[in-house]
PDB file of N, CA and C in Angstrom:
ATOM      1  N   GLY A   1       0.400  -1.200   0.133  1.00  0.00           N
ATOM      2  CA  GLY A   1      -0.052   0.014  -0.532  1.00  0.00           C
ATOM      3  C   GLY A   1       1.107   1.444  -0.086  1.00  0.00           C
ATOM      4  N   TYR A   2       0.425   2.274  -0.261  1.00  0.00           N
ATOM      5  CA  TYR A   2       0.668   3.830  -0.135  1.00  0.00           C
ATOM      6  C   TYR A   2       0.156   4.660   0.802  1.00  0.00           C
ATOM      7  N   ALA A   3       0.585   5.219   1.466  1.00  0.00           N
ATOM      8  CA  ALA A   3       0.061   6.552   2.447  1.00  0.00           C
ATOM      9  C   ALA A   3       0.906   7.796   1.895  1.00  0.00           C
ATOM     10  N   ARG A   4       0.484   8.959   1.594  1.00  0.00           N
ATOM     11  CA  ARG A   4       1.202  10.410   1.605  1.00  0.00           C
ATOM     12  C   ARG A   4       1.936  10.497   2.490  1.00  0.00           C
ATOM     13  N   ALA A   5       1.111   9.920   4.137  1.00  0.00           N
ATOM     14  CA  ALA A   5       1.945  10.494   5.175  1.00  0.00           C
ATOM     15  C   ALA A   5       1.395   9.510   6.056  1.00  0.00           C
ATOM     16  N   VAL A   6       2.114   9.359   6.983  1.00  0.00           N
ATOM     17  CA  VAL A   6       2.077   8.386   8.351  1.00  0.00           C
ATOM     18  C   VAL A   6       2.372   9.185   9.518  1.00  0.00           C
ATOM     19  N   ARG A   7       1.308   9.048  10.359  1.00  0.00           N
ATOM     20  CA  ARG A   7       1.797   9.636  11.827  1.00  0.00           C
ATOM     21  C   ARG A   7       2.177   8.501  12.615  1.00  0.00           C
ATOM     22  N   VAL A   8       3.150   8.499  13.185  1.00  0.00           N
ATOM     23  CA  VAL A   8       3.334   7.750  14.318  1.00  0.00           C
ATOM     24  C   VAL A   8       3.946   8.236  15.578  1.00  0.00           C
ATOM     25  N   GLY A   9       3.189   8.273  17.181  1.00  0.00           N
ATOM     26  CA  GLY A   9       3.357   8.847  17.706  1.00  0.00           C
ATOM     27  C   GLY A   9       3.368  10.657  17.635  1.00  0.00           C
ATOM     28  N   ASP A  10       4.217  11.260  17.743  1.00  0.00           N
ATOM     29  CA  ASP A  10       4.756  12.489  17.281  1.00  0.00           C
ATOM     30  C   ASP A  10       5.166  13.153  16.329  1.00  0.00           C
ATOM     31  N   ARG A  11       5.334  12.035  15.475  1.00  0.00           N
ATOM     32  CA  ARG A  11       6.100  11.847  14.265  1.00  0.00           C
ATOM     33  C   ARG A  11       5.258  12.015  13.189  1.00  0.00           C
ATOM     34  N   ILE A  12       5.661  12.977  12.257  1.00  0.00           N
ATOM     35  CA  ILE A  12       4.838  12.776  10.680  1.00  0.00           C
ATOM     36  C   ILE A  12       5.543  12.278   9.676  1.00  0.00           C
ATOM     37  N   LEU A  13       5.847  11.484   9.016  1.00  0.00           N
ATOM     38  CA  LEU A  13       6.454  11.241   7.989  1.00  0.00           C
ATOM     39  C   LEU A  13       5.932  11.252   6.713  1.00  0.00           C
ATOM     40  N   VAL A  14       6.121  12.279   5.941  1.00  0.00           N
ATOM     41  CA  VAL A  14       5.684  12.317   4.391  1.00  0.00           C
ATOM     42  C   VAL A  14       6.755  11.815   3.105  1.00  0.00           C
ATOM     43  N   SER A  15       5.630  10.790   2.081  1.00  0.00           N
ATOM     44  CA  SER A  15       6.622  10.303   1.441  1.00  0.00           C
ATOM     45  C   SER A  15       6.843  11.064   0.089  1.00  0.00           C
ATOM     46  N   GLY A  16       7.659  10.364  -0.354  1.00  0.00           N
ATOM     47  CA  GLY A  16       8.437  11.241  -1.301  1.00  0.00           C
ATOM     48  C   GLY A  16       7.106  12.110  -2.589  1.00  0.00           C
ATOM     49  N   THR A  17       7.145  13.262  -3.077  1.00  0.00           N
ATOM     50  CA  THR A  17       6.170  13.850  -3.056  1.00  0.00           C
ATOM     51  C   THR A  17       6.330  14.994  -3.912  1.00  0.00           C
ATOM     52  N   THR A  18       5.782  14.548  -5.575  1.00  0.00           N
ATOM     53  CA  THR A  18       6.330  15.278  -6.518  1.00  0.00           C
ATOM     54  C   THR A  18       5.386  16.829  -6.914  1.00  0.00           C
ATOM     55  N   ALA A  19       5.366  17.365  -8.143  1.00  0.00           N
ATOM     56  CA  ALA A  19       4.609  18.466  -8.182  1.00  0.00           C
ATOM     57  C   ALA A  19       3.057  18.091  -9.136  1.00  0.00           C
ATOM     58  N   THR A  20       2.486  17.102  -8.713  1.00  0.00           N
ATOM     59  CA  THR A  20       1.523  16.842  -9.785  1.00  0.00           C
ATOM     60  C   THR A  20      -0.152  17.883  -9.072  1.00  0.00           C
ATOM     61  N   ASP A  21      -0.855  17.613 -10.028  1.00  0.00           N
ATOM     62  CA  ASP A  21      -1.917  18.587 -10.407  1.00  0.00           C
ATOM     63  C   ASP A  21      -2.931  17.480  -9.859  1.00  0.00           C
ATOM     64  N   ASP A  22      -4.326  17.946  -9.663  1.00  0.00           N
ATOM     65  CA  ASP A  22      -5.428  17.284  -9.128  1.00  0.00           C
ATOM     66  C   ASP A  22      -6.140  15.869  -9.755  1.00  0.00           C
ATOM     67  N   GLU A  23      -5.666  15.953 -11.144  1.00  0.00           N
ATOM     68  CA  GLU A  23      -6.058  14.746 -12.420  1.00  0.00           C
ATOM     69  C   GLU A  23      -4.647  14.348 -12.368  1.00  0.00           C
ATOM     70  N   GLY A  24      -3.833  13.846 -11.762  1.00  0.00           N
ATOM     71  CA  GLY A  24      -2.417  13.324 -11.809  1.00  0.00           C
ATOM     72  C   GLY A  24      -1.265  13.069 -12.636  1.00  0.00           C
ATOM     73  N   GLU A  25      -1.171  14.979 -13.033  1.00  0.00           N
ATOM     74  CA  GLU A  25      -0.467  15.310 -14.395  1.00  0.00           C
ATOM     75  C   GLU A  25       0.362  16.263 -13.601  1.00  0.00           C
ATOM     76  N   PRO A  26       1.626  16.201 -14.399  1.00  0.00           N
ATOM     77  CA  PRO A  26       3.078  17.028 -14.079  1.00  0.00           C
ATOM     78  C   PRO A  26       2.441  18.727 -14.069  1.00  0.00           C
ATOM     79  N   VAL A  27       2.527  19.222 -12.789  1.00  0.00           N
ATOM     80  CA  VAL A  27       2.736  20.512 -13.396  1.00  0.00           C
ATOM     81  C   VAL A  27       3.888  21.232 -13.247  1.00  0.00           C
ATOM     82  N   ALA A  28       4.321  22.316 -14.057  1.00  0.00           N
ATOM     83  CA  ALA A  28       5.340  23.072 -14.807  1.00  0.00           C
ATOM     84  C   ALA A  28       6.324  22.234 -15.366  1.00  0.00           C
ATOM     85  N   PRO A  29       6.082  21.117 -15.704  1.00  0.00           N
ATOM     86  CA  PRO A  29       6.958  20.249 -16.506  1.00  0.00           C
ATOM     87  C   PRO A  29       8.053  20.733 -16.766  1.00  0.00           C
ATOM     88  N   GLY A  30       9.255  20.362 -15.988  1.00  0.00           N
ATOM     89  CA  GLY A  30      10.530  21.127 -16.222  1.00  0.00           C
ATOM     90  C   GLY A  30      11.025  22.117 -15.386  1.00  0.00           C
ATOM     91  N   ASP A  31      10.332  22.302 -14.776  1.00  0.00           N
ATOM     92  CA  ASP A  31      10.552  23.911 -13.915  1.00  0.00           C
ATOM     93  C   ASP A  31      10.891  24.016 -12.591  1.00  0.00           C
ATOM     94  N   PRO A  32      11.954  23.657 -12.283  1.00  0.00           N
ATOM     95  CA  PRO A  32      12.485  23.079 -10.903  1.00  0.00           C
ATOM     96  C   PRO A  32      11.516  23.990  -9.535  1.00  0.00           C
ATOM     97  N   ALA A  33      11.680  25.393 -10.008  1.00  0.00           N
ATOM     98  CA  ALA A  33      11.067  26.865  -8.940  1.00  0.00           C
ATOM     99  C   ALA A  33       9.643  26.349  -8.802  1.00  0.00           C
ATOM    100  N   ALA A  34       8.752  26.166  -9.586  1.00  0.00           N
ATOM    101  CA  ALA A  34       7.495  25.845  -9.618  1.00  0.00           C
ATOM    102  C   ALA A  34       7.066  24.388  -8.861  1.00  0.00           C
ATOM    103  N   GLN A  35       8.101  23.262  -9.484  1.00  0.00           N
ATOM    104  CA  GLN A  35       7.551  21.988  -9.142  1.00  0.00           C
ATOM    105  C   GLN A  35       7.939  21.884  -7.568  1.00  0.00           C
ATOM    106  N   THR A  36       8.782  22.767  -7.021  1.00  0.00           N
ATOM    107  CA  THR A  36       9.185  22.630  -5.376  1.00  0.00           C
ATOM    108  C   THR A  36       8.544  23.890  -5.143  1.00  0.00           C
ATOM    109  N   ARG A  37       7.626  24.747  -5.280  1.00  0.00           N
ATOM    110  CA  ARG A  37       6.861  25.094  -4.958  1.00  0.00           C
ATOM    111  C   ARG A  37       5.799  23.911  -4.611  1.00  0.00           C
ATOM    112  N   ARG A  38       5.151  24.007  -5.537  1.00  0.00           N
ATOM    113  CA  ARG A  38       4.088  23.045  -5.671  1.00  0.00           C
ATOM    114  C   ARG A  38       4.219  21.319  -4.366  1.00  0.00           C
ATOM    115  N   ALA A  39       5.334  20.722  -4.967  1.00  0.00           N
ATOM    116  CA  ALA A  39       5.602  19.938  -3.646  1.00  0.00           C
ATOM    117  C   ALA A  39       5.344  19.864  -2.331  1.00  0.00           C
ATOM    118  N   LEU A  40       6.095  21.003  -2.168  1.00  0.00           N
ATOM    119  CA  LEU A  40       6.272  21.752  -0.845  1.00  0.00           C
ATOM    120  C   LEU A  40       4.448  21.936  -0.187  1.00  0.00           C
ATOM    121  N   GLU A  41       4.080  22.700  -1.011  1.00  0.00           N
ATOM    122  CA  GLU A  41       2.397  22.856  -1.133  1.00  0.00           C
ATOM    123  C   GLU A  41       1.922  21.212  -0.253  1.00  0.00           C
ATOM    124  N   THR A  42       1.761  20.553  -1.592  1.00  0.00           N
ATOM    125  CA  THR A  42       1.456  19.172  -0.970  1.00  0.00           C
ATOM    126  C   THR A  42       1.956  18.446   0.373  1.00  0.00           C
ATOM    127  N   VAL A  43       3.073  18.771   0.206  1.00  0.00           N
ATOM    128  CA  VAL A  43       3.869  18.017   1.786  1.00  0.00           C
ATOM    129  C   VAL A  43       3.118  18.582   3.056  1.00  0.00           C
ATOM    130  N   VAL A  44       3.051  20.137   2.811  1.00  0.00           N
ATOM    131  CA  VAL A  44       2.343  20.556   4.054  1.00  0.00           C
ATOM    132  C   VAL A  44       0.868  20.508   4.196  1.00  0.00           C
ATOM    133  N   ASP A  45      -0.003  19.875   3.098  1.00  0.00           N
ATOM    134  CA  ASP A  45      -1.205  19.689   3.075  1.00  0.00           C
ATOM    135  C   ASP A  45      -1.485  18.579   3.878  1.00  0.00           C
ATOM    136  N   ALA A  46      -0.195  17.737   3.631  1.00  0.00           N
ATOM    137  CA  ALA A  46      -0.497  16.216   4.431  1.00  0.00           C
ATOM    138  C   ALA A  46       0.390  16.006   5.257  1.00  0.00           C
ATOM    139  N   ILE A  47       1.121  16.962   6.089  1.00  0.00           N
ATOM    140  CA  ILE A  47       1.212  17.460   7.808  1.00  0.00           C
ATOM    141  C   ILE A  47       0.194  17.588   8.079  1.00  0.00           C
ATOM    142  N   GLU A  48      -0.434  18.706   7.586  1.00  0.00           N
ATOM    143  CA  GLU A  48      -1.853  19.225   8.275  1.00  0.00           C
ATOM    144  C   GLU A  48      -2.741  18.235   8.076  1.00  0.00           C
ATOM    145  N   ALA A  49      -3.064  17.358   7.452  1.00  0.00           N
ATOM    146  CA  ALA A  49      -3.855  16.554   7.686  1.00  0.00           C
ATOM    147  C   ALA A  49      -3.416  15.411   8.598  1.00  0.00           C
ATOM    148  N   ALA A  50      -2.419  15.206   8.719  1.00  0.00           N
ATOM    149  CA  ALA A  50      -1.659  14.383  10.343  1.00  0.00           C
ATOM    150  C   ALA A  50      -2.008  15.043  11.320  1.00  0.00           C
ATOM    151  N   GLY A  51      -2.116  16.555  11.721  1.00  0.00           N
ATOM    152  CA  GLY A  51      -2.101  16.930  13.137  1.00  0.00           C
ATOM    153  C   GLY A  51      -1.552  17.856  13.193  1.00  0.00           C
ATOM    154  N   GLY A  52      -0.196  18.068  11.892  1.00  0.00           N
ATOM    155  CA  GLY A  52       0.749  18.949  12.375  1.00  0.00           C
ATOM    156  C   GLY A  52       0.690  20.828  11.296  1.00  0.00           C
ATOM    157  N   THR A  53       2.110  21.174  11.804  1.00  0.00           N
ATOM    158  CA  THR A  53       2.051  22.515  11.187  1.00  0.00           C
ATOM    159  C   THR A  53       2.976  22.456  10.347  1.00  0.00           C
ATOM    160  N   ARG A  54       3.220  24.139   9.095  1.00  0.00           N
ATOM    161  CA  ARG A  54       4.331  23.715   8.671  1.00  0.00           C
ATOM    162  C   ARG A  54       5.786  24.102   9.910  1.00  0.00           C
ATOM    163  N   GLU A  55       5.746  24.432  10.704  1.00  0.00           N
ATOM    164  CA  GLU A  55       5.965  25.085  11.726  1.00  0.00           C
ATOM    165  C   GLU A  55       6.569  23.627  12.673  1.00  0.00           C
ATOM    166  N   ASP A  56       6.071  22.862  12.484  1.00  0.00           N
ATOM    167  CA  ASP A  56       6.207  21.708  13.213  1.00  0.00           C
ATOM    168  C   ASP A  56       7.182  20.731  12.567  1.00  0.00           C
ATOM    169  N   MET A  57       7.918  21.127  10.622  1.00  0.00           N
ATOM    170  CA  MET A  57       8.637  20.504  10.083  1.00  0.00           C
ATOM    171  C   MET A  57      10.108  20.222  10.634  1.00  0.00           C
ATOM    172  N   VAL A  58      10.577  19.054  10.584  1.00  0.00           N
ATOM    173  CA  VAL A  58      12.229  19.276  11.020  1.00  0.00           C
ATOM    174  C   VAL A  58      13.169  18.770  10.214  1.00  0.00           C
ATOM    175  N   ARG A  59      12.870  18.290   9.034  1.00  0.00           N
ATOM    176  CA  ARG A  59      13.787  17.644   8.077  1.00  0.00           C
ATOM    177  C   ARG A  59      12.647  17.521   6.376  1.00  0.00           C
ATOM    178  N   THR A  60      13.696  17.906   5.567  1.00  0.00           N
ATOM    179  CA  THR A  60      12.928  18.040   4.228  1.00  0.00           C
ATOM    180  C   THR A  60      14.209  17.186   3.404  1.00  0.00           C
ATOM    181  N   ARG A  61      13.917  16.237   2.007  1.00  0.00           N
ATOM    182  CA  ARG A  61      15.025  16.115   1.828  1.00  0.00           C
ATOM    183  C   ARG A  61      14.536  15.927   0.158  1.00  0.00           C
ATOM    184  N   LEU A  62      15.429  16.008  -0.456  1.00  0.00           N
ATOM    185  CA  LEU A  62      14.914  16.891  -1.979  1.00  0.00           C
ATOM    186  C   LEU A  62      15.700  16.088  -2.916  1.00  0.00           C
ATOM    187  N   TYR A  63      15.074  15.325  -3.816  1.00  0.00           N
ATOM    188  CA  TYR A  63      15.457  14.680  -4.916  1.00  0.00           C
ATOM    189  C   TYR A  63      15.408  15.381  -6.215  1.00  0.00           C
ATOM    190  N   VAL A  64      16.494  15.862  -6.812  1.00  0.00           N
ATOM    191  CA  VAL A  64      16.413  16.832  -7.826  1.00  0.00           C
ATOM    192  C   VAL A  64      17.150  15.803  -8.998  1.00  0.00           C
ATOM    193  N   THR A  65      16.695  16.343 -10.309  1.00  0.00           N
ATOM    194  CA  THR A  65      17.489  15.706 -11.400  1.00  0.00           C
ATOM    195  C   THR A  65      18.385  16.500 -12.264  1.00  0.00           C
ATOM    196  N   ASP A  66      18.876  17.772 -11.721  1.00  0.00           N
ATOM    197  CA  ASP A  66      20.049  18.254 -11.715  1.00  0.00           C
ATOM    198  C   ASP A  66      20.151  19.285 -10.943  1.00  0.00           C
ATOM    199  N   ALA A  67      21.688  18.709 -10.237  1.00  0.00           N
ATOM    200  CA  ALA A  67      22.037  19.667  -9.064  1.00  0.00           C
ATOM    201  C   ALA A  67      22.124  21.008  -9.582  1.00  0.00           C
ATOM    202  N   ASP A  68      22.645  21.383 -11.097  1.00  0.00           N
ATOM    203  CA  ASP A  68      22.850  22.640 -11.343  1.00  0.00           C
ATOM    204  C   ASP A  68      21.595  23.703 -10.517  1.00  0.00           C
ATOM    205  N   ASP A  69      20.414  23.092 -10.429  1.00  0.00           N
ATOM    206  CA  ASP A  69      19.128  23.698  -9.966  1.00  0.00           C
ATOM    207  C   ASP A  69      19.451  24.229  -8.547  1.00  0.00           C
ATOM    208  N   TRP A  70      20.439  24.026  -7.860  1.00  0.00           N
ATOM    209  CA  TRP A  70      20.454  23.925  -6.356  1.00  0.00           C
ATOM    210  C   TRP A  70      20.010  25.202  -6.031  1.00  0.00           C
ATOM    211  N   GLU A  71      20.475  26.510  -6.447  1.00  0.00           N
ATOM    212  CA  GLU A  71      19.930  27.696  -5.793  1.00  0.00           C
ATOM    213  C   GLU A  71      18.728  28.347  -6.439  1.00  0.00           C
ATOM    214  N   THR A  72      17.970  27.814  -7.232  1.00  0.00           N
ATOM    215  CA  THR A  72      16.841  27.989  -7.992  1.00  0.00           C
ATOM    216  C   THR A  72      16.187  27.119  -6.578  1.00  0.00           C
ATOM    217  N   ILE A  73      16.159  26.202  -6.638  1.00  0.00           N
ATOM    218  CA  ILE A  73      15.628  24.953  -5.570  1.00  0.00           C
ATOM    219  C   ILE A  73      15.530  25.828  -4.299  1.00  0.00           C
ATOM    220  N   GLY A  74      16.687  25.689  -3.726  1.00  0.00           N
ATOM    221  CA  GLY A  74      16.956  26.102  -2.444  1.00  0.00           C
ATOM    222  C   GLY A  74      16.040  27.746  -2.032  1.00  0.00           C
ATOM    223  N   GLU A  75      16.208  28.865  -2.966  1.00  0.00           N
ATOM    224  CA  GLU A  75      15.619  30.007  -3.027  1.00  0.00           C
ATOM    225  C   GLU A  75      13.928  29.808  -2.856  1.00  0.00           C
ATOM    226  N   VAL A  76      13.302  29.022  -3.032  1.00  0.00           N
ATOM    227  CA  VAL A  76      11.882  28.517  -3.082  1.00  0.00           C
ATOM    228  C   VAL A  76      11.782  27.829  -1.799  1.00  0.00           C
ATOM    229  N   HIS A  77      13.069  27.153  -1.307  1.00  0.00           N
ATOM    230  CA  HIS A  77      12.500  26.393  -0.408  1.00  0.00           C
ATOM    231  C   HIS A  77      12.854  27.175   1.038  1.00  0.00           C
ATOM    232  N   ARG A  78      13.790  28.170   0.985  1.00  0.00           N
ATOM    233  CA  ARG A  78      13.900  29.374   2.500  1.00  0.00           C
ATOM    234  C   ARG A  78      12.532  30.101   2.084  1.00  0.00           C
ATOM    235  N   GLU A  79      11.946  30.822   1.109  1.00  0.00           N
ATOM    236  CA  GLU A  79      10.924  31.544   0.513  1.00  0.00           C
ATOM    237  C   GLU A  79       9.776  30.881   1.500  1.00  0.00           C
ATOM    238  N   PHE A  80       9.491  29.415   1.130  1.00  0.00           N
ATOM    239  CA  PHE A  80       8.688  28.443   1.779  1.00  0.00           C
ATOM    240  C   PHE A  80       8.573  28.592   3.152  1.00  0.00           C
ATOM    241  N   PHE A  81       9.575  28.282   3.583  1.00  0.00           N
ATOM    242  CA  PHE A  81       9.525  28.316   4.810  1.00  0.00           C
ATOM    243  C   PHE A  81       9.652  29.486   6.044  1.00  0.00           C
ATOM    244  N   GLY A  82      10.254  30.392   5.450  1.00  0.00           N
ATOM    245  CA  GLY A  82      10.229  31.526   6.214  1.00  0.00           C
ATOM    246  C   GLY A  82      11.384  31.441   7.657  1.00  0.00           C
ATOM    247  N   GLY A  83      10.961  31.183   8.585  1.00  0.00           N
ATOM    248  CA  GLY A  83      11.247  31.469   9.441  1.00  0.00           C
ATOM    249  C   GLY A  83      11.673  29.798  10.094  1.00  0.00           C
ATOM    250  N   VAL A  84      10.954  29.197   9.433  1.00  0.00           N
ATOM    251  CA  VAL A  84      11.204  27.555  10.023  1.00  0.00           C
ATOM    252  C   VAL A  84      12.356  27.150   9.108  1.00  0.00           C
ATOM    253  N   ARG A  85      13.024  26.411   9.968  1.00  0.00           N
ATOM    254  CA  ARG A  85      14.620  26.024   8.918  1.00  0.00           C
ATOM    255  C   ARG A  85      15.058  24.520   9.402  1.00  0.00           C
ATOM    256  N   PRO A  86      14.225  23.523   8.458  1.00  0.00           N
ATOM    257  CA  PRO A  86      14.229  22.505   8.637  1.00  0.00           C
ATOM    258  C   PRO A  86      15.298  21.399   8.309  1.00  0.00           C
ATOM    259  N   ALA A  87      15.868  20.946   8.830  1.00  0.00           N
ATOM    260  CA  ALA A  87      17.015  20.006   8.356  1.00  0.00           C
ATOM    261  C   ALA A  87      16.872  19.635   6.877  1.00  0.00           C
ATOM    262  N   SER A  88      17.865  19.987   5.550  1.00  0.00           N
ATOM    263  CA  SER A  88      17.215  19.610   4.729  1.00  0.00           C
ATOM    264  C   SER A  88      18.602  18.775   3.924  1.00  0.00           C
ATOM    265  N   THR A  89      18.295  18.284   2.966  1.00  0.00           N
ATOM    266  CA  THR A  89      19.477  17.674   2.530  1.00  0.00           C
ATOM    267  C   THR A  89      18.816  17.488   0.672  1.00  0.00           C
ATOM    268  N   MET A  90      19.816  18.010  -0.345  1.00  0.00           N
ATOM    269  CA  MET A  90      19.184  17.855  -1.824  1.00  0.00           C
ATOM    270  C   MET A  90      20.583  16.522  -2.294  1.00  0.00           C
ATOM    271  N   VAL A  91      19.628  15.887  -3.086  1.00  0.00           N
ATOM    272  CA  VAL A  91      20.502  14.606  -3.660  1.00  0.00           C
ATOM    273  C   VAL A  91      20.099  14.800  -5.222  1.00  0.00           C
ATOM    274  N   GLU A  92      21.132  14.819  -6.203  1.00  0.00           N
ATOM    275  CA  GLU A  92      21.108  14.741  -7.725  1.00  0.00           C
ATOM    276  C   GLU A  92      20.738  12.980  -7.810  1.00  0.00           C
ATOM    277  N   VAL A  93      19.816  12.945  -8.907  1.00  0.00           N
ATOM    278  CA  VAL A  93      19.281  11.314  -9.392  1.00  0.00           C
ATOM    279  C   VAL A  93      19.390  11.552 -10.905  1.00  0.00           C
ATOM    280  N   SER A  94      19.583  10.097 -11.197  1.00  0.00           N
ATOM    281  CA  SER A  94      19.202   9.938 -12.517  1.00  0.00           C
ATOM    282  C   SER A  94      17.867  10.310 -13.683  1.00  0.00           C
ATOM    283  N   GLY A  95      16.827  10.736 -12.459  1.00  0.00           N
ATOM    284  CA  GLY A  95      15.628  10.255 -13.054  1.00  0.00           C
ATOM    285  C   GLY A  95      14.414   9.863 -11.535  1.00  0.00           C
ATOM    286  N   LEU A  96      13.073  10.660 -11.734  1.00  0.00           N
ATOM    287  CA  LEU A  96      12.001  10.343 -10.617  1.00  0.00           C
ATOM    288  C   LEU A  96      11.105   9.838 -12.097  1.00  0.00           C
ATOM    289  N   ILE A  97       9.944   9.955 -11.127  1.00  0.00           N
ATOM    290  CA  ILE A  97       8.727   8.927 -11.946  1.00  0.00           C
ATOM    291  C   ILE A  97       8.205   9.223 -13.071  1.00  0.00           C
ATOM    292  N   GLY A  98       8.893  10.630 -13.848  1.00  0.00           N
ATOM    293  CA  GLY A  98       8.311  10.620 -15.348  1.00  0.00           C
ATOM    294  C   GLY A  98       9.487  11.580 -15.493  1.00  0.00           C
ATOM    295  N   PRO A  99       9.422  11.764 -16.755  1.00  0.00           N
ATOM    296  CA  PRO A  99      10.842  12.859 -17.559  1.00  0.00           C
ATOM    297  C   PRO A  99      10.411  14.249 -16.755  1.00  0.00           C
ATOM    298  N   ALA A 100       8.934  14.633 -17.113  1.00  0.00           N
ATOM    299  CA  ALA A 100       8.146  15.707 -16.633  1.00  0.00           C
ATOM    300  C   ALA A 100       8.652  16.627 -15.631  1.00  0.00           C
ATOM    301  N   TYR A 101       9.009  15.679 -14.376  1.00  0.00           N
ATOM    302  CA  TYR A 101       9.665  15.892 -13.143  1.00  0.00           C
ATOM    303  C   TYR A 101      10.671  16.065 -12.690  1.00  0.00           C
ATOM    304  N   VAL A 102      11.164  17.168 -12.402  1.00  0.00           N
ATOM    305  CA  VAL A 102      12.308  17.510 -11.967  1.00  0.00           C
ATOM    306  C   VAL A 102      13.114  17.189 -10.381  1.00  0.00           C
ATOM    307  N   VAL A 103      12.021  17.792  -9.330  1.00  0.00           N
ATOM    308  CA  VAL A 103      12.285  17.925  -7.883  1.00  0.00           C
ATOM    309  C   VAL A 103      10.924  16.749  -7.434  1.00  0.00           C
ATOM    310  N   GLU A 104      11.557  16.043  -6.621  1.00  0.00           N
ATOM    311  CA  GLU A 104      10.824  14.827  -5.419  1.00  0.00           C
ATOM    312  C   GLU A 104      11.172  15.489  -4.156  1.00  0.00           C
ATOM    313  N   ILE A 105      10.024  15.932  -3.311  1.00  0.00           N
ATOM    314  CA  ILE A 105      10.702  15.900  -1.634  1.00  0.00           C
ATOM    315  C   ILE A 105       9.808  15.034  -0.475  1.00  0.00           C
ATOM    316  N   GLU A 106      10.635  14.342   0.024  1.00  0.00           N
ATOM    317  CA  GLU A 106      10.191  13.956   1.320  1.00  0.00           C
ATOM    318  C   GLU A 106      10.176  14.954   2.611  1.00  0.00           C
ATOM    319  N   ALA A 107       9.774  14.826   3.634  1.00  0.00           N
ATOM    320  CA  ALA A 107       9.464  15.375   5.002  1.00  0.00           C
ATOM    321  C   ALA A 107       9.142  14.650   6.324  1.00  0.00           C
ATOM    322  N   GLU A 108       9.668  15.660   7.016  1.00  0.00           N
ATOM    323  CA  GLU A 108       9.563  14.839   8.653  1.00  0.00           C
ATOM    324  C   GLU A 108       8.858  15.629   9.279  1.00  0.00           C
ATOM    325  N   ALA A 109       7.940  15.552  10.496  1.00  0.00           N
ATOM    326  CA  ALA A 109       7.394  16.748  11.310  1.00  0.00           C
ATOM    327  C   ALA A 109       7.447  15.937  12.383  1.00  0.00           C
ATOM    328  N   VAL A 110       7.928  17.007  13.609  1.00  0.00           N
ATOM    329  CA  VAL A 110       7.624  16.304  14.863  1.00  0.00           C
ATOM    330  C   VAL A 110       6.471  17.268  15.813  1.00  0.00           C
ATOM    331  N   VAL A 111       5.525  16.892  16.098  1.00  0.00           N
ATOM    332  CA  VAL A 111       4.650  17.292  16.669  1.00  0.00           C
ATOM    333  C   VAL A 111       4.854  17.734  18.369  1.00  0.00           C
ATOM    334  N   PRO A 112       4.518  18.939  18.635  1.00  0.00           N
ATOM    335  CA  PRO A 112       5.078  18.906  20.317  1.00  0.00           C
ATOM    336  C   PRO A 112       4.116  18.124  21.416  1.00  0.00           C
ATOM    337  N   ASP A 113       4.251  17.525  21.689  1.00  0.00           N
ATOM    338  CA  ASP A 113       3.125  17.364  22.709  1.00  0.00           C
ATOM    339  C   ASP A 113       2.503  18.629  23.378  1.00  0.00           C
ATOM    340  N   GLY A 114       1.020  18.068  23.659  1.00  0.00           N
ATOM    341  CA  GLY A 114       0.012  18.559  24.063  1.00  0.00           C
ATOM    342  C   GLY A 114      -0.963  19.341  22.318  1.00  0.00           C
ATOM    343  N   GLU A 115      -0.180  18.745  21.189  1.00  0.00           N
ATOM    344  CA  GLU A 115      -0.938  19.101  19.895  1.00  0.00           C
ATOM    345  C   GLU A 115      -1.359  18.223  19.337  1.00  0.00           C
ATOM    346  N   ASN A 116      -2.715  18.169  19.118  1.00  0.00           N
ATOM    347  CA  ASN A 116      -3.716  17.576  18.093  1.00  0.00           C
ATOM    348  C   ASN A 116      -3.028  16.024  18.612  1.00  0.00           C
TER     349      ASN A 116
END
């Protein structure tokens, strides 16, 4: 089976998430900035559905098809999180689930005691 996110105690683990629209099609094929933004929005939606918030995020892992896009992707990541500073790793991979995808993001959140 597959779950976008799983909550275990105070931890929320989010599966690899691409920039996909509601019909299952790639968003902004080949555009690392737009895909990063859309994937992060989907990740946060999953964390919120599991009882967390953006501020609870402690780690992101970004899989990218071109490491030369690191500055663009990193800037979107920074703008998206603002003052939230999750530990982050970016890894270049030879491909993702389809050729239109250039970014995939996994995430983890820890919900403080007393929240949801």
